[in-house]
Amino acid sequence: MLTALAGPRTAPFTLTSGTAPGVVRSYTAWHQLTLENMDARVWLGIHTRLADEAGVELGTDVAEYGLNHARSLFRSH
């Protein structure tokens, strides 16, 4: 969704973690966040790689549907 609305690249930005004090991650593209989140979930044993890939695919499909049907989804009745 962010890529569709703002483009694939963004100004460099950083994020910090409330659970990893002192850790700062830097990004220049929205997709980097997706890939790093997938890796973190696999490494923590929360999900399998396949499950994360399926989740990203589903999220992409939902975002695409929302963008393609925005007018009808937000039309007042």
N, C-alpha and C. Protein backbone atom coordinates (compact mmCIF):
# COMPACT_ATOMS: atom_id res chain seq x y z
N MET A 1 0.82 -1.17 0.00
CA MET A 1 0.00 0.00 0.00
C MET A 1 0.87 1.24 0.00
N LEU A 2 1.90 1.25 0.84
CA LEU A 2 2.79 2.41 0.89
C LEU A 2 3.48 2.63 -0.45
N THR A 3 3.90 1.57 -1.09
CA THR A 3 4.54 1.69 -2.39
C THR A 3 3.58 2.27 -3.41
N ALA A 4 2.34 1.82 -3.41
CA ALA A 4 1.35 2.32 -4.36
C ALA A 4 1.05 3.80 -4.12
N LEU A 5 1.02 4.22 -2.89
CA LEU A 5 0.67 5.59 -2.57
C LEU A 5 1.84 6.56 -2.62
N ALA A 6 3.04 6.09 -2.26
CA ALA A 6 4.18 7.00 -2.14
C ALA A 6 5.35 6.65 -3.05
N GLY A 7 5.27 5.52 -3.75
CA GLY A 7 6.38 5.09 -4.59
C GLY A 7 7.24 4.09 -3.85
N PRO A 8 8.08 3.35 -4.59
CA PRO A 8 8.86 2.27 -3.98
C PRO A 8 9.99 2.75 -3.08
N ARG A 9 10.50 3.94 -3.33
CA ARG A 9 11.60 4.45 -2.51
C ARG A 9 11.10 5.61 -1.67
N THR A 10 11.78 5.83 -0.59
CA THR A 10 11.41 6.91 0.32
C THR A 10 12.68 7.60 0.78
N ALA A 11 12.53 8.75 1.37
CA ALA A 11 13.69 9.40 1.97
C ALA A 11 14.23 8.45 3.04
N PRO A 12 15.53 8.41 3.22
CA PRO A 12 16.06 7.53 4.28
C PRO A 12 15.41 7.85 5.62
N PHE A 13 15.03 6.81 6.34
CA PHE A 13 14.46 7.00 7.66
C PHE A 13 14.93 5.89 8.57
N THR A 14 14.84 6.12 9.86
CA THR A 14 15.29 5.14 10.84
C THR A 14 14.14 4.80 11.78
N LEU A 15 14.21 3.60 12.32
CA LEU A 15 13.25 3.14 13.33
C LEU A 15 14.03 2.56 14.50
N THR A 16 13.49 2.74 15.68
CA THR A 16 14.07 2.14 16.87
C THR A 16 13.11 1.09 17.40
N SER A 17 13.59 0.25 18.28
CA SER A 17 12.78 -0.82 18.84
C SER A 17 12.62 -0.64 20.33
N GLY A 18 11.38 -0.80 20.78
CA GLY A 18 11.12 -0.74 22.22
C GLY A 18 11.62 -1.97 22.95
N THR A 19 11.83 -3.05 22.20
CA THR A 19 12.28 -4.30 22.83
C THR A 19 13.77 -4.55 22.64
N ALA A 20 14.42 -3.74 21.83
CA ALA A 20 15.87 -3.87 21.62
C ALA A 20 16.51 -2.49 21.78
N PRO A 21 16.65 -2.03 23.02
CA PRO A 21 17.18 -0.69 23.27
C PRO A 21 18.52 -0.47 22.58
N GLY A 22 18.64 0.68 21.94
CA GLY A 22 19.88 1.05 21.28
C GLY A 22 19.99 0.55 19.85
N VAL A 23 19.07 -0.31 19.43
CA VAL A 23 19.10 -0.82 18.05
C VAL A 23 18.35 0.16 17.16
N VAL A 24 19.02 0.62 16.13
CA VAL A 24 18.42 1.54 15.16
C VAL A 24 18.59 0.93 13.78
N ARG A 25 17.49 0.84 13.04
CA ARG A 25 17.51 0.30 11.69
C ARG A 25 17.21 1.42 10.70
N SER A 26 17.93 1.45 9.58
CA SER A 26 17.74 2.47 8.56
C SER A 26 17.19 1.85 7.29
N TYR A 27 16.30 2.58 6.62
CA TYR A 27 15.65 2.09 5.41
C TYR A 27 15.58 3.20 4.36
N THR A 28 15.56 2.77 3.08
CA THR A 28 15.36 3.71 1.99
C THR A 28 14.25 3.24 1.06
N ALA A 29 13.64 2.10 1.34
CA ALA A 29 12.54 1.58 0.54
C ALA A 29 11.59 0.81 1.45
N TRP A 30 10.30 0.91 1.14
CA TRP A 30 9.29 0.23 1.96
C TRP A 30 9.50 -1.28 1.96
N HIS A 31 9.91 -1.82 0.84
CA HIS A 31 10.07 -3.28 0.73
C HIS A 31 11.12 -3.81 1.71
N GLN A 32 12.09 -2.98 2.06
CA GLN A 32 13.11 -3.39 3.04
C GLN A 32 12.46 -3.74 4.38
N LEU A 33 11.44 -3.00 4.75
CA LEU A 33 10.73 -3.28 6.00
C LEU A 33 10.07 -4.66 5.95
N THR A 34 9.45 -4.96 4.81
CA THR A 34 8.79 -6.25 4.65
C THR A 34 9.79 -7.39 4.78
N LEU A 35 10.89 -7.29 4.05
CA LEU A 35 11.89 -8.36 4.08
C LEU A 35 12.47 -8.54 5.47
N GLU A 36 12.77 -7.45 6.16
CA GLU A 36 13.36 -7.57 7.49
C GLU A 36 12.35 -8.12 8.49
N ASN A 37 11.10 -7.74 8.36
CA ASN A 37 10.06 -8.27 9.24
C ASN A 37 9.90 -9.78 9.03
N MET A 38 9.92 -10.21 7.77
CA MET A 38 9.84 -11.64 7.48
C MET A 38 11.01 -12.39 8.13
N ASP A 39 12.22 -11.87 7.95
CA ASP A 39 13.39 -12.52 8.54
C ASP A 39 13.27 -12.61 10.06
N ALA A 40 12.85 -11.52 10.68
CA ALA A 40 12.75 -11.51 12.14
C ALA A 40 11.77 -12.56 12.64
N ARG A 41 10.65 -12.70 11.97
CA ARG A 41 9.64 -13.68 12.40
C ARG A 41 10.14 -15.11 12.23
N VAL A 42 10.90 -15.35 11.18
CA VAL A 42 11.48 -16.69 10.98
C VAL A 42 12.53 -16.96 12.05
N TRP A 43 13.43 -16.00 12.26
CA TRP A 43 14.51 -16.19 13.23
C TRP A 43 13.98 -16.38 14.65
N LEU A 44 12.86 -15.72 14.97
CA LEU A 44 12.28 -15.85 16.30
C LEU A 44 11.43 -17.11 16.44
N GLY A 45 11.22 -17.82 15.35
CA GLY A 45 10.42 -19.03 15.39
C GLY A 45 8.92 -18.77 15.44
N ILE A 46 8.50 -17.55 15.11
CA ILE A 46 7.09 -17.21 15.14
C ILE A 46 6.37 -17.80 13.93
N HIS A 47 7.02 -17.74 12.76
CA HIS A 47 6.44 -18.24 11.52
C HIS A 47 7.51 -18.96 10.71
N THR A 48 7.07 -19.70 9.72
CA THR A 48 8.00 -20.27 8.75
C THR A 48 8.16 -19.28 7.61
N ARG A 49 9.20 -19.43 6.82
CA ARG A 49 9.41 -18.57 5.65
C ARG A 49 8.21 -18.65 4.72
N LEU A 50 7.71 -19.86 4.50
CA LEU A 50 6.57 -20.05 3.61
C LEU A 50 5.34 -19.30 4.11
N ALA A 51 5.10 -19.34 5.41
CA ALA A 51 3.96 -18.64 5.99
C ALA A 51 4.11 -17.12 5.81
N ASP A 52 5.31 -16.62 6.03
CA ASP A 52 5.54 -15.19 5.85
C ASP A 52 5.36 -14.77 4.40
N GLU A 53 5.86 -15.58 3.47
CA GLU A 53 5.70 -15.26 2.06
C GLU A 53 4.22 -15.27 1.67
N ALA A 54 3.47 -16.22 2.20
CA ALA A 54 2.03 -16.28 1.93
C ALA A 54 1.34 -15.05 2.51
N GLY A 55 1.75 -14.62 3.69
CA GLY A 55 1.17 -13.43 4.32
C GLY A 55 1.44 -12.17 3.52
N VAL A 56 2.65 -12.05 3.00
CA VAL A 56 2.99 -10.89 2.17
C VAL A 56 2.17 -10.91 0.88
N GLU A 57 2.03 -12.09 0.30
CA GLU A 57 1.23 -12.21 -0.93
C GLU A 57 -0.24 -11.84 -0.67
N LEU A 58 -0.79 -12.33 0.43
CA LEU A 58 -2.16 -12.01 0.78
C LEU A 58 -2.32 -10.51 1.03
N GLY A 59 -1.39 -9.94 1.80
CA GLY A 59 -1.45 -8.51 2.07
C GLY A 59 -1.36 -7.67 0.81
N THR A 60 -0.52 -8.10 -0.12
CA THR A 60 -0.40 -7.40 -1.40
C THR A 60 -1.71 -7.49 -2.18
N ASP A 61 -2.33 -8.67 -2.19
CA ASP A 61 -3.60 -8.85 -2.89
C ASP A 61 -4.70 -7.98 -2.28
N VAL A 62 -4.75 -7.92 -0.96
CA VAL A 62 -5.77 -7.11 -0.28
C VAL A 62 -5.55 -5.63 -0.58
N ALA A 63 -4.30 -5.19 -0.53
CA ALA A 63 -3.99 -3.79 -0.83
C ALA A 63 -4.36 -3.46 -2.27
N GLU A 64 -4.03 -4.35 -3.19
CA GLU A 64 -4.35 -4.14 -4.60
C GLU A 64 -5.86 -4.06 -4.80
N TYR A 65 -6.60 -4.95 -4.16
CA TYR A 65 -8.06 -4.91 -4.26
C TYR A 65 -8.60 -3.58 -3.73
N GLY A 66 -8.09 -3.18 -2.57
CA GLY A 66 -8.54 -1.92 -1.98
C GLY A 66 -8.26 -0.72 -2.88
N LEU A 67 -7.08 -0.70 -3.48
CA LEU A 67 -6.75 0.40 -4.38
C LEU A 67 -7.62 0.37 -5.63
N ASN A 68 -7.87 -0.81 -6.17
CA ASN A 68 -8.66 -0.93 -7.39
C ASN A 68 -10.15 -0.68 -7.17
N HIS A 69 -10.61 -0.83 -5.93
CA HIS A 69 -12.04 -0.66 -5.63
C HIS A 69 -12.31 0.46 -4.62
N ALA A 70 -11.38 1.37 -4.48
CA ALA A 70 -11.50 2.41 -3.47
C ALA A 70 -12.79 3.20 -3.59
N ARG A 71 -13.15 3.57 -4.79
CA ARG A 71 -14.38 4.38 -4.96
C ARG A 71 -15.60 3.65 -4.44
N SER A 72 -15.76 2.39 -4.80
CA SER A 72 -16.95 1.67 -4.35
C SER A 72 -16.88 1.33 -2.86
N LEU A 73 -15.67 1.15 -2.33
CA LEU A 73 -15.54 0.83 -0.91
C LEU A 73 -15.88 2.03 -0.02
N PHE A 74 -15.61 3.25 -0.51
CA PHE A 74 -15.81 4.44 0.31
C PHE A 74 -17.02 5.28 -0.13
N ARG A 75 -17.82 4.75 -1.02
CA ARG A 75 -19.02 5.46 -1.48
C ARG A 75 -20.02 5.50 -0.35
N SER A 76 -20.62 6.66 -0.14
CA SER A 76 -21.66 6.75 0.91
C SER A 76 -22.97 6.21 0.35
N HIS A 77 -23.70 5.54 1.19
CA HIS A 77 -24.96 4.89 0.77
C HIS A 77 -26.13 5.67 1.24
